[in-house]
Amino acid sequence: MGGSLYIYKLVADGGGAPCVWRGLLSLAICKPKIRKNAAKGEIIFGFGGKNYGERLIYIAKVTAKLDKGDYYRKRQYVKRPDCIYRNVEGKPRLKRHVQYHKQSDQRRRDVGMTFENAYVLLSSDFRYFGRKGTDEYKHDFPAIAALVEGLTRGHRVNHSTKLRRELLELKKQVWRKHRRMKIGPPTDTDRTRLCNSDSPSVQCES
């Protein structure tokens, strides 16, 4: 399988990033670099940070990518929980009664001040564990375990062929074991936790 694999640690898992709603997973807020760089067909692996015991939170294959603020203009997305901005004369404005990013202004990082960073990744081919995720992958995949345990803020590594093979095998195993795409609820009930703090991530290129 070609294409890049993206691996990162979540510092918040409250249902906003990623957002799983009505059979579709979206990454619309947080992780702006991954949202900008990831392409259709590529795969994202989200693991919990130290506070989540480095559990596997989700794996998603990107099945569509939106940019230029389309997510915030198209009617089919307007009711999604992570569609927290509306377009006011070409500029983002936080909607009333949103659940995420209402304690501070996160527009520049989420979407940009004129939607220039408003890349949104969508997946209809994912497995989201949330609270039910475990770190059992560490027993079978030592290269993944070493990566996740050593992943620190701003960390970059040269990925080995073994690591890429393990990541793809982990995905295969997860898909084989779980037919349902949403396995558990979000880890956090506190939705005010900010996911935009710089969490470590790496890109594994083919």
C-alpha atoms as a PDB file:
ATOM      1  CA  MET A   1       0.000   0.000   0.000  1.00  0.00           C
ATOM      2  CA  GLY A   2       1.438   3.366  -1.004  1.00  0.00           C
ATOM      3  CA  GLY A   3       1.000   6.763   0.533  1.00  0.00           C
ATOM      4  CA  SER A   4       2.027   8.213   3.846  1.00  0.00           C
ATOM      5  CA  LEU A   5       1.025   6.985   7.276  1.00  0.00           C
ATOM      6  CA  TYR A   6       0.458   9.635   9.957  1.00  0.00           C
ATOM      7  CA  ILE A   7       0.964   8.819  13.630  1.00  0.00           C
ATOM      8  CA  TYR A   8       0.252  11.170  16.519  1.00  0.00           C
ATOM      9  CA  LYS A   9      -0.601  11.322  20.193  1.00  0.00           C
ATOM     10  CA  LEU A  10      -3.908  12.764  21.346  1.00  0.00           C
ATOM     11  CA  VAL A  11      -3.850  15.118  24.308  1.00  0.00           C
ATOM     12  CA  ALA A  12      -7.660  15.280  24.351  1.00  0.00           C
ATOM     13  CA  ASP A  13     -10.290  12.791  23.241  1.00  0.00           C
ATOM     14  CA  GLY A  14     -13.601  14.465  23.892  1.00  0.00           C
ATOM     15  CA  GLY A  15     -15.323  13.720  20.609  1.00  0.00           C
ATOM     16  CA  GLY A  16     -14.173  16.842  18.785  1.00  0.00           C
ATOM     17  CA  ALA A  17     -10.956  15.694  17.119  1.00  0.00           C
ATOM     18  CA  PRO A  18     -11.606  13.242  15.738  1.00  0.00           C
ATOM     19  CA  CYS A  19     -15.353  13.583  15.607  1.00  0.00           C
ATOM     20  CA  VAL A  20     -17.377  10.451  14.929  1.00  0.00           C
ATOM     21  CA  TRP A  21     -20.961  11.254  14.023  1.00  0.00           C
ATOM     22  CA  ARG A  22     -23.491   9.394  11.899  1.00  0.00           C
ATOM     23  CA  GLY A  23     -21.006   6.919  10.499  1.00  0.00           C
ATOM     24  CA  LEU A  24     -18.430   9.476   9.422  1.00  0.00           C
ATOM     25  CA  LEU A  25     -15.161  10.388  11.121  1.00  0.00           C
ATOM     26  CA  SER A  26     -13.892  13.927  10.619  1.00  0.00           C
ATOM     27  CA  LEU A  27     -10.730  15.728  11.622  1.00  0.00           C
ATOM     28  CA  ALA A  28     -11.636  19.388  11.280  1.00  0.00           C
ATOM     29  CA  ILE A  29     -10.030  21.046  14.301  1.00  0.00           C
ATOM     30  CA  CYS A  30      -6.604  20.403  15.856  1.00  0.00           C
ATOM     31  CA  LYS A  31      -3.600  18.820  14.065  1.00  0.00           C
ATOM     32  CA  PRO A  32      -3.421  21.460  11.288  1.00  0.00           C
ATOM     33  CA  LYS A  33      -0.265  20.003   9.714  1.00  0.00           C
ATOM     34  CA  ILE A  34      -1.763  16.546   9.341  1.00  0.00           C
ATOM     35  CA  ARG A  35      -4.983  18.021   7.965  1.00  0.00           C
ATOM     36  CA  LYS A  36      -3.007  20.003   5.396  1.00  0.00           C
ATOM     37  CA  ASN A  37      -0.620  17.253   4.330  1.00  0.00           C
ATOM     38  CA  ALA A  38      -2.673  14.049   4.409  1.00  0.00           C
ATOM     39  CA  ALA A  39      -4.214  12.976   1.127  1.00  0.00           C
ATOM     40  CA  LYS A  40      -7.101  10.756   0.153  1.00  0.00           C
ATOM     41  CA  GLY A  41      -6.172   7.114   0.616  1.00  0.00           C
ATOM     42  CA  GLU A  42      -3.592   7.751   3.331  1.00  0.00           C
ATOM     43  CA  ILE A  43      -3.960   6.452   6.878  1.00  0.00           C
ATOM     44  CA  ILE A  44      -3.957   8.184  10.265  1.00  0.00           C
ATOM     45  CA  PHE A  45      -3.158   6.416  13.535  1.00  0.00           C
ATOM     46  CA  GLY A  46      -4.160   8.211  16.733  1.00  0.00           C
ATOM     47  CA  PHE A  47      -2.670   6.955  20.005  1.00  0.00           C
ATOM     48  CA  GLY A  48      -3.301   8.352  23.447  1.00  0.00           C
ATOM     49  CA  GLY A  49      -0.646  10.364  25.201  1.00  0.00           C
ATOM     50  CA  LYS A  50       0.845   9.408  28.548  1.00  0.00           C
ATOM     51  CA  ASN A  51      -2.337  10.522  30.303  1.00  0.00           C
ATOM     52  CA  TYR A  52      -4.272   7.947  28.231  1.00  0.00           C
ATOM     53  CA  GLY A  53      -1.801   5.125  28.788  1.00  0.00           C
ATOM     54  CA  GLU A  54      -0.707   5.308  25.147  1.00  0.00           C
ATOM     55  CA  ARG A  55      -3.833   3.379  24.144  1.00  0.00           C
ATOM     56  CA  LEU A  56      -4.842   3.032  20.500  1.00  0.00           C
ATOM     57  CA  ILE A  57      -7.655   5.573  20.083  1.00  0.00           C
ATOM     58  CA  TYR A  58      -8.400   5.281  16.361  1.00  0.00           C
ATOM     59  CA  ILE A  59      -7.232   4.384  12.873  1.00  0.00           C
ATOM     60  CA  ALA A  60      -8.772   6.078   9.849  1.00  0.00           C
ATOM     61  CA  LYS A  61      -8.240   5.876   6.114  1.00  0.00           C
ATOM     62  CA  VAL A  62      -8.835   9.274   4.516  1.00  0.00           C
ATOM     63  CA  THR A  63     -11.711   8.859   2.068  1.00  0.00           C
ATOM     64  CA  ALA A  64     -12.242  12.560   1.287  1.00  0.00           C
ATOM     65  CA  LYS A  65     -10.512  15.871   1.889  1.00  0.00           C
ATOM     66  CA  LEU A  66     -12.112  19.314   1.955  1.00  0.00           C
ATOM     67  CA  ASP A  67     -10.369  22.682   1.853  1.00  0.00           C
ATOM     68  CA  LYS A  68     -11.123  26.369   1.310  1.00  0.00           C
ATOM     69  CA  GLY A  69     -13.737  26.251   4.069  1.00  0.00           C
ATOM     70  CA  ASP A  70     -16.092  23.906   2.223  1.00  0.00           C
ATOM     71  CA  TYR A  71     -16.832  22.038   5.456  1.00  0.00           C
ATOM     72  CA  TYR A  72     -18.311  25.223   6.904  1.00  0.00           C
ATOM     73  CA  ARG A  73     -20.379  26.083   3.838  1.00  0.00           C
ATOM     74  CA  LYS A  74     -21.938  22.795   2.801  1.00  0.00           C
ATOM     75  CA  ARG A  75     -25.262  21.973   4.403  1.00  0.00           C
ATOM     76  CA  GLN A  76     -24.538  18.275   4.945  1.00  0.00           C
ATOM     77  CA  TYR A  77     -21.878  19.138   7.523  1.00  0.00           C
ATOM     78  CA  VAL A  78     -23.448  22.084   9.319  1.00  0.00           C
ATOM     79  CA  LYS A  79     -24.887  20.040  12.217  1.00  0.00           C
ATOM     80  CA  ARG A  80     -21.757  18.020  12.923  1.00  0.00           C
ATOM     81  CA  PRO A  81     -20.374  18.674  16.433  1.00  0.00           C
ATOM     82  CA  ASP A  82     -16.950  19.745  15.140  1.00  0.00           C
ATOM     83  CA  CYS A  83     -18.371  22.171  12.548  1.00  0.00           C
ATOM     84  CA  ILE A  84     -17.942  24.948  15.108  1.00  0.00           C
ATOM     85  CA  TYR A  85     -17.455  27.920  12.779  1.00  0.00           C
ATOM     86  CA  ARG A  86     -19.673  29.750  10.343  1.00  0.00           C
ATOM     87  CA  ASN A  87     -18.587  31.812   7.390  1.00  0.00           C
ATOM     88  CA  VAL A  88     -19.230  35.513   7.868  1.00  0.00           C
ATOM     89  CA  GLU A  89     -18.088  37.451   4.813  1.00  0.00           C
ATOM     90  CA  GLY A  90     -15.211  35.060   4.244  1.00  0.00           C
ATOM     91  CA  LYS A  91     -14.064  34.974   7.863  1.00  0.00           C
ATOM     92  CA  PRO A  92     -14.704  32.313  10.529  1.00  0.00           C
ATOM     93  CA  ARG A  93     -16.909  33.112  13.465  1.00  0.00           C
ATOM     94  CA  LEU A  94     -17.474  30.690  16.322  1.00  0.00           C
ATOM     95  CA  LYS A  95     -21.065  29.485  16.430  1.00  0.00           C
ATOM     96  CA  ARG A  96     -23.137  29.864  19.546  1.00  0.00           C
ATOM     97  CA  HIS A  97     -23.608  26.851  21.827  1.00  0.00           C
ATOM     98  CA  VAL A  98     -20.661  24.873  20.455  1.00  0.00           C
ATOM     99  CA  GLN A  99     -19.013  22.222  22.624  1.00  0.00           C
ATOM    100  CA  TYR A 100     -15.399  22.772  21.593  1.00  0.00           C
ATOM    101  CA  HIS A 101     -12.856  25.621  21.594  1.00  0.00           C
ATOM    102  CA  LYS A 102     -15.160  28.140  23.216  1.00  0.00           C
ATOM    103  CA  GLN A 103     -12.814  29.086  26.084  1.00  0.00           C
ATOM    104  CA  SER A 104     -10.237  30.775  23.840  1.00  0.00           C
ATOM    105  CA  ASP A 105      -9.821  31.903  20.240  1.00  0.00           C
ATOM    106  CA  GLN A 106      -8.488  28.941  18.251  1.00  0.00           C
ATOM    107  CA  ARG A 107      -9.496  30.153  14.793  1.00  0.00           C
ATOM    108  CA  ARG A 108      -6.007  30.756  13.464  1.00  0.00           C
ATOM    109  CA  ARG A 109      -4.887  27.216  14.245  1.00  0.00           C
ATOM    110  CA  ASP A 110      -8.170  25.504  13.407  1.00  0.00           C
ATOM    111  CA  VAL A 111      -9.086  27.155  10.123  1.00  0.00           C
ATOM    112  CA  GLY A 112      -7.057  30.338   9.620  1.00  0.00           C
ATOM    113  CA  MET A 113      -8.456  33.853   9.753  1.00  0.00           C
ATOM    114  CA  THR A 114      -9.796  33.603   6.186  1.00  0.00           C
ATOM    115  CA  PHE A 115     -10.255  29.804   6.127  1.00  0.00           C
ATOM    116  CA  GLU A 116      -6.802  29.373   4.572  1.00  0.00           C
ATOM    117  CA  ASN A 117      -6.075  26.482   6.948  1.00  0.00           C
ATOM    118  CA  ALA A 118      -9.545  24.949   6.832  1.00  0.00           C
ATOM    119  CA  TYR A 119      -8.499  21.537   5.575  1.00  0.00           C
ATOM    120  CA  VAL A 120     -10.830  18.808   6.802  1.00  0.00           C
ATOM    121  CA  LEU A 121     -10.163  15.084   6.545  1.00  0.00           C
ATOM    122  CA  LEU A 122     -13.129  12.726   6.288  1.00  0.00           C
ATOM    123  CA  SER A 123     -13.240   8.973   6.689  1.00  0.00           C
ATOM    124  CA  SER A 124     -15.989   6.458   6.083  1.00  0.00           C
ATOM    125  CA  ASP A 125     -13.458   3.657   6.628  1.00  0.00           C
ATOM    126  CA  PHE A 126     -12.236   3.836  10.234  1.00  0.00           C
ATOM    127  CA  ARG A 127     -12.163   2.154  13.602  1.00  0.00           C
ATOM    128  CA  TYR A 128     -12.621   4.409  16.608  1.00  0.00           C
ATOM    129  CA  PHE A 129     -12.047   2.911  20.056  1.00  0.00           C
ATOM    130  CA  GLY A 130     -12.087   5.985  22.280  1.00  0.00           C
ATOM    131  CA  ARG A 131     -12.415   4.899  25.905  1.00  0.00           C
ATOM    132  CA  LYS A 132     -12.295   1.216  24.919  1.00  0.00           C
ATOM    133  CA  GLY A 133      -8.863   1.478  23.318  1.00  0.00           C
ATOM    134  CA  THR A 134      -6.015  -0.538  24.821  1.00  0.00           C
ATOM    135  CA  ASP A 135      -2.232  -0.750  24.573  1.00  0.00           C
ATOM    136  CA  GLU A 136      -2.341  -4.425  23.610  1.00  0.00           C
ATOM    137  CA  TYR A 137      -0.738  -3.550  20.273  1.00  0.00           C
ATOM    138  CA  LYS A 138       2.574  -3.195  22.145  1.00  0.00           C
ATOM    139  CA  HIS A 139       2.802  -6.959  22.665  1.00  0.00           C
ATOM    140  CA  ASP A 140       2.606  -7.814  18.970  1.00  0.00           C
ATOM    141  CA  PHE A 141       4.201  -4.756  17.383  1.00  0.00           C
ATOM    142  CA  PRO A 142       7.482  -3.761  19.072  1.00  0.00           C
ATOM    143  CA  ALA A 143       8.412  -1.159  16.470  1.00  0.00           C
ATOM    144  CA  ILE A 144       5.091   0.658  16.980  1.00  0.00           C
ATOM    145  CA  ALA A 145       5.495   0.417  20.760  1.00  0.00           C
ATOM    146  CA  ALA A 146       8.976   1.941  20.559  1.00  0.00           C
ATOM    147  CA  LEU A 147       7.732   4.756  18.340  1.00  0.00           C
ATOM    148  CA  VAL A 148       4.751   5.644  20.531  1.00  0.00           C
ATOM    149  CA  GLU A 149       6.747   5.441  23.771  1.00  0.00           C
ATOM    150  CA  GLY A 150       9.529   7.608  22.336  1.00  0.00           C
ATOM    151  CA  LEU A 151       7.321  10.139  20.592  1.00  0.00           C
ATOM    152  CA  THR A 152       7.872  13.582  22.087  1.00  0.00           C
ATOM    153  CA  ARG A 153       6.801  17.032  21.018  1.00  0.00           C
ATOM    154  CA  GLY A 154       8.231  17.956  17.632  1.00  0.00           C
ATOM    155  CA  HIS A 155       9.846  14.526  17.339  1.00  0.00           C
ATOM    156  CA  ARG A 156      10.779  13.266  13.863  1.00  0.00           C
ATOM    157  CA  VAL A 157      12.192   9.873  12.981  1.00  0.00           C
ATOM    158  CA  ASN A 158      13.344   7.990   9.914  1.00  0.00           C
ATOM    159  CA  HIS A 159      10.839   5.182   9.686  1.00  0.00           C
ATOM    160  CA  SER A 160      12.038   1.681   9.003  1.00  0.00           C
ATOM    161  CA  THR A 161      10.436  -0.762   6.619  1.00  0.00           C
ATOM    162  CA  LYS A 162       9.601  -2.847   9.690  1.00  0.00           C
ATOM    163  CA  LEU A 163       7.628  -0.030  11.300  1.00  0.00           C
ATOM    164  CA  ARG A 164       5.588   0.597   8.169  1.00  0.00           C
ATOM    165  CA  ARG A 165       4.885  -3.117   7.852  1.00  0.00           C
ATOM    166  CA  GLU A 166       3.773  -3.280  11.500  1.00  0.00           C
ATOM    167  CA  LEU A 167       1.453  -0.282  11.116  1.00  0.00           C
ATOM    168  CA  LEU A 168      -0.249  -1.790   8.089  1.00  0.00           C
ATOM    169  CA  GLU A 169      -0.520  -5.160   9.833  1.00  0.00           C
ATOM    170  CA  LEU A 170      -2.043  -3.490  12.910  1.00  0.00           C
ATOM    171  CA  LYS A 171      -4.674  -1.881  10.696  1.00  0.00           C
ATOM    172  CA  LYS A 172      -5.400  -5.215   9.047  1.00  0.00           C
ATOM    173  CA  GLN A 173      -5.801  -6.950  12.393  1.00  0.00           C
ATOM    174  CA  VAL A 174      -8.072  -4.240  13.761  1.00  0.00           C
ATOM    175  CA  TRP A 175     -10.313  -4.352  10.685  1.00  0.00           C
ATOM    176  CA  ARG A 176     -10.469  -8.145  10.858  1.00  0.00           C
ATOM    177  CA  LYS A 177     -11.438  -8.138  14.536  1.00  0.00           C
ATOM    178  CA  HIS A 178     -13.880  -5.234  14.539  1.00  0.00           C
ATOM    179  CA  ARG A 179     -16.588  -4.878  11.930  1.00  0.00           C
ATOM    180  CA  ARG A 180     -18.206  -1.928  13.675  1.00  0.00           C
ATOM    181  CA  MET A 181     -16.469   1.370  12.997  1.00  0.00           C
ATOM    182  CA  LYS A 182     -17.277   2.971  16.348  1.00  0.00           C
ATOM    183  CA  ILE A 183     -16.295   0.609  19.139  1.00  0.00           C
ATOM    184  CA  GLY A 184     -16.418   2.921  22.174  1.00  0.00           C
ATOM    185  CA  PRO A 185     -17.347   6.429  23.336  1.00  0.00           C
ATOM    186  CA  PRO A 186     -14.847   9.303  23.644  1.00  0.00           C
ATOM    187  CA  THR A 187     -12.430   8.999  26.551  1.00  0.00           C
ATOM    188  CA  ASP A 188     -13.216  12.419  28.018  1.00  0.00           C
ATOM    189  CA  THR A 189     -16.555  13.693  29.196  1.00  0.00           C
ATOM    190  CA  ASP A 190     -14.958  17.111  29.726  1.00  0.00           C
ATOM    191  CA  ARG A 191     -15.234  18.715  26.297  1.00  0.00           C
ATOM    192  CA  THR A 192     -13.436  21.893  27.334  1.00  0.00           C
ATOM    193  CA  ARG A 193     -10.051  20.159  27.201  1.00  0.00           C
ATOM    194  CA  LEU A 194      -8.054  21.787  24.427  1.00  0.00           C
ATOM    195  CA  CYS A 195      -6.751  19.483  21.710  1.00  0.00           C
ATOM    196  CA  ASN A 196      -4.728  22.225  19.988  1.00  0.00           C
ATOM    197  CA  SER A 197      -1.697  22.059  22.256  1.00  0.00           C
ATOM    198  CA  ASP A 198       1.321  20.791  20.341  1.00  0.00           C
ATOM    199  CA  SER A 199       1.080  17.025  20.523  1.00  0.00           C
ATOM    200  CA  PRO A 200       3.840  14.947  18.929  1.00  0.00           C
ATOM    201  CA  SER A 201       3.313  13.488  15.467  1.00  0.00           C
ATOM    202  CA  VAL A 202       5.315  11.808  12.736  1.00  0.00           C
ATOM    203  CA  GLN A 203       4.830  10.987   9.084  1.00  0.00           C
ATOM    204  CA  CYS A 204       5.834   7.616   7.685  1.00  0.00           C
ATOM    205  CA  GLU A 205       6.387   7.985   3.938  1.00  0.00           C
ATOM    206  CA  SER A 206       6.230   5.156   1.464  1.00  0.00           C
END
